């Protein structure tokens, strides 16, 4: 698979990897992540999240009981599988992720973002030609592939994935709640260290310790499927 050219010196390699990570987590990446709220819009509608304080509690819960025990540790495993061109492991974790999406909208989001990443990498001539790619890859599968191609270290890849999730959730809140940009920045300050802790925990978990526990998010997402008025697709 294509990889970044190797410039002279370690600093040059690190710079290219950093720029690759910034590219992947940029809101300008054309994969449509802005269209999905992951149940957060329903949490607003139901009154579970109504201000800066309750939003912070919601995000902390999703990070600790969701990303830390699902997407982040699996992303690390997918990264290693891409490095080894291990089609069976990629397919197994791809299926595992889909099995843990508890509503139609959450499953659709994963596939749609994965499809968009496939199209993007194809247009950049970075899509592998080998039969390693799962037939219906999830977002994490493709994010791991792009991270590997840009020589982004696995820990940085997980931090970037978590950062992109947080930034997207705050963008949703700024559109659907009376939440200003300054409040969003306060939440970033509150949660930045927790993103680091989440990655540390995710990298230390064994396979038998994985699995999200987010009944509230699942209920909110299920409610969103029939919500009368909505801005987002999940």
C-alpha atoms as a PDB file:
ATOM      1  CA  UNK A   1       0.000   0.000   0.000  1.00  0.00           C
ATOM      2  CA  UNK A   2       1.210   3.573  -0.575  1.00  0.00           C
ATOM      3  CA  UNK A   3       3.074   5.218   2.274  1.00  0.00           C
ATOM      4  CA  UNK A   4       4.427   8.668   2.876  1.00  0.00           C
ATOM      5  CA  UNK A   5       7.771   9.420   1.218  1.00  0.00           C
ATOM      6  CA  UNK A   6      10.641   9.352   3.699  1.00  0.00           C
ATOM      7  CA  UNK A   7      12.436  12.706   3.940  1.00  0.00           C
ATOM      8  CA  UNK A   8      15.879  13.097   5.415  1.00  0.00           C
ATOM      9  CA  UNK A   9      15.926  12.925   9.211  1.00  0.00           C
ATOM     10  CA  UNK A  10      13.561  11.802  11.939  1.00  0.00           C
ATOM     11  CA  UNK A  11      12.115  15.299  12.306  1.00  0.00           C
ATOM     12  CA  UNK A  12      10.905  15.231   8.714  1.00  0.00           C
ATOM     13  CA  UNK A  13       9.183  11.880   9.180  1.00  0.00           C
ATOM     14  CA  UNK A  14       7.500  13.081  12.368  1.00  0.00           C
ATOM     15  CA  UNK A  15       6.336  16.260  10.642  1.00  0.00           C
ATOM     16  CA  UNK A  16       4.732  14.334   7.784  1.00  0.00           C
ATOM     17  CA  UNK A  17       3.002  12.002  10.228  1.00  0.00           C
ATOM     18  CA  UNK A  18       1.677  14.964  12.224  1.00  0.00           C
ATOM     19  CA  UNK A  19       0.387  16.651   9.080  1.00  0.00           C
ATOM     20  CA  UNK A  20      -1.236  13.377   8.019  1.00  0.00           C
ATOM     21  CA  UNK A  21      -3.008  13.158  11.374  1.00  0.00           C
ATOM     22  CA  UNK A  22      -4.207  16.752  11.116  1.00  0.00           C
ATOM     23  CA  UNK A  23      -5.565  15.941   7.666  1.00  0.00           C
ATOM     24  CA  UNK A  24      -7.493  12.925   8.982  1.00  0.00           C
ATOM     25  CA  UNK A  25      -9.090  14.731  11.936  1.00  0.00           C
ATOM     26  CA  UNK A  26      -9.864  17.963  10.098  1.00  0.00           C
ATOM     27  CA  UNK A  27     -13.565  18.907   9.879  1.00  0.00           C
ATOM     28  CA  UNK A  28     -12.801  19.604   6.207  1.00  0.00           C
ATOM     29  CA  UNK A  29     -12.177  15.906   5.513  1.00  0.00           C
ATOM     30  CA  UNK A  30     -14.928  15.110   2.964  1.00  0.00           C
ATOM     31  CA  UNK A  31     -16.584  12.132   4.669  1.00  0.00           C
ATOM     32  CA  UNK A  32     -19.724  13.814   6.029  1.00  0.00           C
ATOM     33  CA  UNK A  33     -19.074  13.231   9.739  1.00  0.00           C
ATOM     34  CA  UNK A  34     -20.827  16.544  10.496  1.00  0.00           C
ATOM     35  CA  UNK A  35     -24.182  14.987   9.517  1.00  0.00           C
ATOM     36  CA  UNK A  36     -24.263  12.531  12.441  1.00  0.00           C
ATOM     37  CA  UNK A  37     -24.865  13.272  16.136  1.00  0.00           C
ATOM     38  CA  UNK A  38     -24.639   9.699  17.545  1.00  0.00           C
ATOM     39  CA  UNK A  39     -27.852  10.101  19.523  1.00  0.00           C
ATOM     40  CA  UNK A  40     -26.868  13.454  21.008  1.00  0.00           C
ATOM     41  CA  UNK A  41     -29.637  15.321  19.183  1.00  0.00           C
ATOM     42  CA  UNK A  42     -32.204  13.041  20.829  1.00  0.00           C
ATOM     43  CA  UNK A  43     -30.606  13.610  24.223  1.00  0.00           C
ATOM     44  CA  UNK A  44     -31.320  17.316  23.654  1.00  0.00           C
ATOM     45  CA  UNK A  45     -34.915  16.590  22.601  1.00  0.00           C
ATOM     46  CA  UNK A  46     -35.518  14.355  25.625  1.00  0.00           C
ATOM     47  CA  UNK A  47     -34.088  16.923  28.017  1.00  0.00           C
ATOM     48  CA  UNK A  48     -31.246  14.670  29.175  1.00  0.00           C
ATOM     49  CA  UNK A  49     -28.683  17.195  27.939  1.00  0.00           C
ATOM     50  CA  UNK A  50     -29.661  20.848  28.178  1.00  0.00           C
ATOM     51  CA  UNK A  51     -26.600  22.943  29.027  1.00  0.00           C
ATOM     52  CA  UNK A  52     -22.815  22.967  29.329  1.00  0.00           C
ATOM     53  CA  UNK A  53     -22.766  20.969  32.570  1.00  0.00           C
ATOM     54  CA  UNK A  54     -25.037  18.151  31.409  1.00  0.00           C
ATOM     55  CA  UNK A  55     -23.298  18.013  28.032  1.00  0.00           C
ATOM     56  CA  UNK A  56     -19.966  17.546  29.790  1.00  0.00           C
ATOM     57  CA  UNK A  57     -21.414  14.690  31.853  1.00  0.00           C
ATOM     58  CA  UNK A  58     -22.835  13.044  28.707  1.00  0.00           C
ATOM     59  CA  UNK A  59     -19.545  13.288  26.840  1.00  0.00           C
ATOM     60  CA  UNK A  60     -17.565  11.959  29.802  1.00  0.00           C
ATOM     61  CA  UNK A  61     -19.877   8.955  30.006  1.00  0.00           C
ATOM     62  CA  UNK A  62     -19.697   8.175  26.288  1.00  0.00           C
ATOM     63  CA  UNK A  63     -15.923   8.518  26.335  1.00  0.00           C
ATOM     64  CA  UNK A  64     -15.397   6.324  29.396  1.00  0.00           C
ATOM     65  CA  UNK A  65     -17.973   3.599  28.702  1.00  0.00           C
ATOM     66  CA  UNK A  66     -17.994   3.770  24.911  1.00  0.00           C
ATOM     67  CA  UNK A  67     -14.894   4.885  23.031  1.00  0.00           C
ATOM     68  CA  UNK A  68     -12.489   3.668  25.709  1.00  0.00           C
ATOM     69  CA  UNK A  69     -13.846   0.120  25.609  1.00  0.00           C
ATOM     70  CA  UNK A  70     -14.910  -0.136  21.987  1.00  0.00           C
ATOM     71  CA  UNK A  71     -13.642   2.074  19.174  1.00  0.00           C
ATOM     72  CA  UNK A  72     -10.237   3.023  20.570  1.00  0.00           C
ATOM     73  CA  UNK A  73      -8.907  -0.428  21.539  1.00  0.00           C
ATOM     74  CA  UNK A  74     -10.283  -1.922  18.335  1.00  0.00           C
ATOM     75  CA  UNK A  75      -8.640   0.849  16.308  1.00  0.00           C
ATOM     76  CA  UNK A  76      -5.271  -0.217  17.757  1.00  0.00           C
ATOM     77  CA  UNK A  77      -5.952  -3.825  16.772  1.00  0.00           C
ATOM     78  CA  UNK A  78      -7.003  -2.782  13.274  1.00  0.00           C
ATOM     79  CA  UNK A  79      -3.820  -0.735  12.898  1.00  0.00           C
ATOM     80  CA  UNK A  80      -1.724  -3.809  13.726  1.00  0.00           C
ATOM     81  CA  UNK A  81      -3.808  -5.942  11.358  1.00  0.00           C
ATOM     82  CA  UNK A  82      -3.203  -3.530   8.487  1.00  0.00           C
ATOM     83  CA  UNK A  83       0.503  -3.577   9.257  1.00  0.00           C
ATOM     84  CA  UNK A  84       0.461  -7.375   8.999  1.00  0.00           C
ATOM     85  CA  UNK A  85      -1.939  -7.491   6.000  1.00  0.00           C
ATOM     86  CA  UNK A  86      -4.100  -9.792   8.142  1.00  0.00           C
ATOM     87  CA  UNK A  87      -7.437 -10.012   6.336  1.00  0.00           C
ATOM     88  CA  UNK A  88      -9.015 -12.392   8.865  1.00  0.00           C
ATOM     89  CA  UNK A  89      -8.310 -10.112  11.815  1.00  0.00           C
ATOM     90  CA  UNK A  90      -9.548  -7.049   9.939  1.00  0.00           C
ATOM     91  CA  UNK A  91     -12.788  -8.823   9.045  1.00  0.00           C
ATOM     92  CA  UNK A  92     -13.280 -10.139  12.582  1.00  0.00           C
ATOM     93  CA  UNK A  93     -12.916  -6.758  14.270  1.00  0.00           C
ATOM     94  CA  UNK A  94     -14.959  -5.084  11.551  1.00  0.00           C
ATOM     95  CA  UNK A  95     -17.795  -7.520  12.310  1.00  0.00           C
ATOM     96  CA  UNK A  96     -17.304  -7.013  16.060  1.00  0.00           C
ATOM     97  CA  UNK A  97     -17.717  -3.272  15.736  1.00  0.00           C
ATOM     98  CA  UNK A  98     -20.922  -3.653  13.753  1.00  0.00           C
ATOM     99  CA  UNK A  99     -22.296  -6.118  16.294  1.00  0.00           C
ATOM    100  CA  UNK A 100     -21.861  -3.443  18.962  1.00  0.00           C
ATOM    101  CA  UNK A 101     -23.888  -0.788  17.097  1.00  0.00           C
ATOM    102  CA  UNK A 102     -27.211  -1.065  18.879  1.00  0.00           C
ATOM    103  CA  UNK A 103     -29.444   0.861  16.484  1.00  0.00           C
ATOM    104  CA  UNK A 104     -29.926   1.122  12.740  1.00  0.00           C
ATOM    105  CA  UNK A 105     -28.685   4.717  12.725  1.00  0.00           C
ATOM    106  CA  UNK A 106     -25.463   3.938  14.601  1.00  0.00           C
ATOM    107  CA  UNK A 107     -24.769   1.040  12.231  1.00  0.00           C
ATOM    108  CA  UNK A 108     -25.549   3.197   9.201  1.00  0.00           C
ATOM    109  CA  UNK A 109     -23.190   5.922  10.403  1.00  0.00           C
ATOM    110  CA  UNK A 110     -20.329   3.465  10.711  1.00  0.00           C
ATOM    111  CA  UNK A 111     -20.861   2.101   7.195  1.00  0.00           C
ATOM    112  CA  UNK A 112     -21.478   5.499   5.566  1.00  0.00           C
ATOM    113  CA  UNK A 113     -18.309   7.013   7.020  1.00  0.00           C
ATOM    114  CA  UNK A 114     -16.406   3.886   6.031  1.00  0.00           C
ATOM    115  CA  UNK A 115     -17.728   4.127   2.468  1.00  0.00           C
ATOM    116  CA  UNK A 116     -16.801   7.799   2.305  1.00  0.00           C
ATOM    117  CA  UNK A 117     -13.252   7.002   3.445  1.00  0.00           C
ATOM    118  CA  UNK A 118     -13.012   4.306   0.769  1.00  0.00           C
ATOM    119  CA  UNK A 119     -14.016   6.813  -1.907  1.00  0.00           C
ATOM    120  CA  UNK A 120     -11.593   9.390  -0.570  1.00  0.00           C
ATOM    121  CA  UNK A 121      -8.618   7.011  -0.458  1.00  0.00           C
ATOM    122  CA  UNK A 122      -9.477   5.720  -3.928  1.00  0.00           C
ATOM    123  CA  UNK A 123      -9.466   9.279  -5.283  1.00  0.00           C
ATOM    124  CA  UNK A 124      -6.053   9.810  -3.654  1.00  0.00           C
ATOM    125  CA  UNK A 125      -4.696   6.535  -5.117  1.00  0.00           C
ATOM    126  CA  UNK A 126      -4.266   5.145  -1.603  1.00  0.00           C
ATOM    127  CA  UNK A 127      -6.797   2.311  -1.635  1.00  0.00           C
ATOM    128  CA  UNK A 128      -5.101  -1.107  -1.372  1.00  0.00           C
ATOM    129  CA  UNK A 129      -5.433  -3.374  -4.400  1.00  0.00           C
ATOM    130  CA  UNK A 130      -5.003  -6.523  -2.300  1.00  0.00           C
ATOM    131  CA  UNK A 131      -8.068  -8.487  -1.080  1.00  0.00           C
ATOM    132  CA  UNK A 132      -7.370  -7.511   2.535  1.00  0.00           C
ATOM    133  CA  UNK A 133     -10.044  -4.798   2.727  1.00  0.00           C
ATOM    134  CA  UNK A 134     -13.327  -6.072   4.262  1.00  0.00           C
ATOM    135  CA  UNK A 135     -16.308  -5.972   1.902  1.00  0.00           C
ATOM    136  CA  UNK A 136     -18.189  -3.409   4.061  1.00  0.00           C
ATOM    137  CA  UNK A 137     -15.530  -1.623   6.100  1.00  0.00           C
ATOM    138  CA  UNK A 138     -16.445   0.476   9.104  1.00  0.00           C
ATOM    139  CA  UNK A 139     -15.044   3.922   9.762  1.00  0.00           C
ATOM    140  CA  UNK A 140     -12.453   2.621  12.231  1.00  0.00           C
ATOM    141  CA  UNK A 141     -11.121   0.132   9.659  1.00  0.00           C
ATOM    142  CA  UNK A 142     -10.517   2.912   7.171  1.00  0.00           C
ATOM    143  CA  UNK A 143      -9.178   5.357   9.751  1.00  0.00           C
ATOM    144  CA  UNK A 144      -6.655   2.720  10.819  1.00  0.00           C
ATOM    145  CA  UNK A 145      -5.636   2.177   7.198  1.00  0.00           C
ATOM    146  CA  UNK A 146      -5.160   5.892   6.538  1.00  0.00           C
ATOM    147  CA  UNK A 147      -3.188   6.252   9.780  1.00  0.00           C
ATOM    148  CA  UNK A 148      -0.918   3.398   8.790  1.00  0.00           C
ATOM    149  CA  UNK A 149      -0.366   4.860   5.317  1.00  0.00           C
ATOM    150  CA  UNK A 150       0.612   8.233   6.789  1.00  0.00           C
ATOM    151  CA  UNK A 151       3.023   6.527   9.227  1.00  0.00           C
ATOM    152  CA  UNK A 152       1.072   7.980  12.158  1.00  0.00           C
ATOM    153  CA  UNK A 153       2.062   6.161  15.373  1.00  0.00           C
ATOM    154  CA  UNK A 154      -0.765   4.058  16.752  1.00  0.00           C
ATOM    155  CA  UNK A 155      -1.093   6.068  19.963  1.00  0.00           C
ATOM    156  CA  UNK A 156      -1.335   9.319  18.003  1.00  0.00           C
ATOM    157  CA  UNK A 157      -3.925   7.704  15.764  1.00  0.00           C
ATOM    158  CA  UNK A 158      -6.099   6.877  18.779  1.00  0.00           C
ATOM    159  CA  UNK A 159      -5.705  10.391  20.173  1.00  0.00           C
ATOM    160  CA  UNK A 160      -6.702  11.844  16.810  1.00  0.00           C
ATOM    161  CA  UNK A 161      -9.738   9.567  16.545  1.00  0.00           C
ATOM    162  CA  UNK A 162     -10.901  10.590  20.029  1.00  0.00           C
ATOM    163  CA  UNK A 163     -10.264  14.263  19.276  1.00  0.00           C
ATOM    164  CA  UNK A 164     -12.313  14.094  16.060  1.00  0.00           C
ATOM    165  CA  UNK A 165     -15.187  12.493  17.997  1.00  0.00           C
ATOM    166  CA  UNK A 166     -15.108  15.227  20.658  1.00  0.00           C
ATOM    167  CA  UNK A 167     -14.893  18.043  18.140  1.00  0.00           C
ATOM    168  CA  UNK A 168     -17.824  16.633  16.162  1.00  0.00           C
ATOM    169  CA  UNK A 169     -19.968  16.234  19.288  1.00  0.00           C
ATOM    170  CA  UNK A 170     -19.284  19.836  20.291  1.00  0.00           C
ATOM    171  CA  UNK A 171     -20.128  21.023  16.777  1.00  0.00           C
ATOM    172  CA  UNK A 172     -23.463  19.210  17.088  1.00  0.00           C
ATOM    173  CA  UNK A 173     -24.119  20.906  20.425  1.00  0.00           C
ATOM    174  CA  UNK A 174     -23.260  24.343  19.075  1.00  0.00           C
ATOM    175  CA  UNK A 175     -25.819  23.859  16.286  1.00  0.00           C
ATOM    176  CA  UNK A 176     -28.628  22.283  18.299  1.00  0.00           C
ATOM    177  CA  UNK A 177     -28.233  23.841  21.768  1.00  0.00           C
ATOM    178  CA  UNK A 178     -27.805  27.418  22.931  1.00  0.00           C
ATOM    179  CA  UNK A 179     -24.128  26.588  23.491  1.00  0.00           C
ATOM    180  CA  UNK A 180     -21.553  29.167  22.476  1.00  0.00           C
ATOM    181  CA  UNK A 181     -18.069  28.606  21.162  1.00  0.00           C
ATOM    182  CA  UNK A 182     -16.525  29.706  24.458  1.00  0.00           C
ATOM    183  CA  UNK A 183     -18.510  27.055  26.328  1.00  0.00           C
ATOM    184  CA  UNK A 184     -17.327  24.487  23.802  1.00  0.00           C
ATOM    185  CA  UNK A 185     -13.728  25.511  24.491  1.00  0.00           C
ATOM    186  CA  UNK A 186     -14.281  25.150  28.222  1.00  0.00           C
ATOM    187  CA  UNK A 187     -15.496  21.598  27.608  1.00  0.00           C
ATOM    188  CA  UNK A 188     -12.409  20.870  25.529  1.00  0.00           C
ATOM    189  CA  UNK A 189     -10.242  22.068  28.416  1.00  0.00           C
ATOM    190  CA  UNK A 190     -12.247  19.860  30.779  1.00  0.00           C
ATOM    191  CA  UNK A 191     -11.981  16.768  28.585  1.00  0.00           C
ATOM    192  CA  UNK A 192      -8.509  16.982  27.019  1.00  0.00           C
ATOM    193  CA  UNK A 193      -6.782  15.087  29.813  1.00  0.00           C
ATOM    194  CA  UNK A 194      -9.589  12.530  29.789  1.00  0.00           C
ATOM    195  CA  UNK A 195      -8.897  11.809  26.119  1.00  0.00           C
ATOM    196  CA  UNK A 196      -5.320  10.951  27.071  1.00  0.00           C
ATOM    197  CA  UNK A 197      -6.522   8.719  29.919  1.00  0.00           C
ATOM    198  CA  UNK A 198      -8.976   7.023  27.556  1.00  0.00           C
ATOM    199  CA  UNK A 199      -6.201   6.177  25.097  1.00  0.00           C
ATOM    200  CA  UNK A 200      -3.927   4.888  27.873  1.00  0.00           C
ATOM    201  CA  UNK A 201      -6.722   2.647  29.140  1.00  0.00           C
ATOM    202  CA  UNK A 202      -7.713   1.463  25.661  1.00  0.00           C
ATOM    203  CA  UNK A 203      -4.157   0.407  24.836  1.00  0.00           C
ATOM    204  CA  UNK A 204      -3.952  -1.656  28.032  1.00  0.00           C
ATOM    205  CA  UNK A 205      -7.216  -3.604  27.638  1.00  0.00           C
ATOM    206  CA  UNK A 206      -7.305  -7.262  26.661  1.00  0.00           C
ATOM    207  CA  UNK A 207      -9.769  -8.669  24.151  1.00  0.00           C
ATOM    208  CA  UNK A 208     -12.029 -10.064  26.879  1.00  0.00           C
ATOM    209  CA  UNK A 209     -12.306  -6.614  28.497  1.00  0.00           C
ATOM    210  CA  UNK A 210     -13.807  -4.916  25.446  1.00  0.00           C
ATOM    211  CA  UNK A 211     -17.419  -3.902  24.925  1.00  0.00           C
ATOM    212  CA  UNK A 212     -19.342  -0.633  25.347  1.00  0.00           C
ATOM    213  CA  UNK A 213     -21.964  -0.081  28.062  1.00  0.00           C
ATOM    214  CA  UNK A 214     -24.094   2.805  26.816  1.00  0.00           C
ATOM    215  CA  UNK A 215     -27.805   2.036  27.360  1.00  0.00           C
ATOM    216  CA  UNK A 216     -28.706   5.727  27.465  1.00  0.00           C
ATOM    217  CA  UNK A 217     -27.040   6.431  24.137  1.00  0.00           C
ATOM    218  CA  UNK A 218     -28.749   3.399  22.593  1.00  0.00           C
ATOM    219  CA  UNK A 219     -32.160   4.608  23.816  1.00  0.00           C
ATOM    220  CA  UNK A 220     -31.513   8.130  22.546  1.00  0.00           C
ATOM    221  CA  UNK A 221     -30.397   6.793  19.172  1.00  0.00           C
ATOM    222  CA  UNK A 222     -33.464   4.550  18.880  1.00  0.00           C
ATOM    223  CA  UNK A 223     -35.701   7.522  19.717  1.00  0.00           C
ATOM    224  CA  UNK A 224     -33.980   9.601  17.046  1.00  0.00           C
ATOM    225  CA  UNK A 225     -35.195   7.243  14.307  1.00  0.00           C
ATOM    226  CA  UNK A 226     -38.747   8.565  14.823  1.00  0.00           C
ATOM    227  CA  UNK A 227     -37.972  12.067  16.086  1.00  0.00           C
ATOM    228  CA  UNK A 228     -40.270  14.523  14.312  1.00  0.00           C
ATOM    229  CA  UNK A 229     -37.840  17.366  13.698  1.00  0.00           C
ATOM    230  CA  UNK A 230     -34.095  16.797  13.424  1.00  0.00           C
ATOM    231  CA  UNK A 231     -30.945  18.300  11.996  1.00  0.00           C
ATOM    232  CA  UNK A 232     -28.755  15.185  12.001  1.00  0.00           C
ATOM    233  CA  UNK A 233     -28.906  11.671  10.587  1.00  0.00           C
ATOM    234  CA  UNK A 234     -28.312   9.945  13.937  1.00  0.00           C
END
